[in-house]
């Protein structure tokens, strides 16, 4: 309908997951810090999956989206960063938790394999 919605209405309809109360910058910074504390490989895989499927929307393409998700999960499971994330999630004391390693270039290669060369820069190491 092209009708403009308020943030509250968008939230009540489930179009957004949260509404910033007072200072959007501070809330965005908190969210960024939450993401930075997670596995860099998992974030890269999530971004690759989103980039590969955003806007496709056809039910016929669900099979390829699920196949990509399965392939990305196989790359994640058993890796160092998955081990580190699991230890953190299981409540292993901080002193015993393995730290995350830098994101591997395999995630940039994943986008290339999916034909999204124009999006390579979004996954390039900082």
Foldseek 3Di string as FASTA:
>chain_A
DPDDDDPVVCCVVVVDVDDDDDDVVVVVVVVVVVVVQAALLVVLLVVLLCVLDPPPPDPVCVVVSVVSNVVSVVVVPPDPRVQLRVCVVVPPDPVPRDDHDDHDCVSLVSNVVSVNPVCSVVSDDD
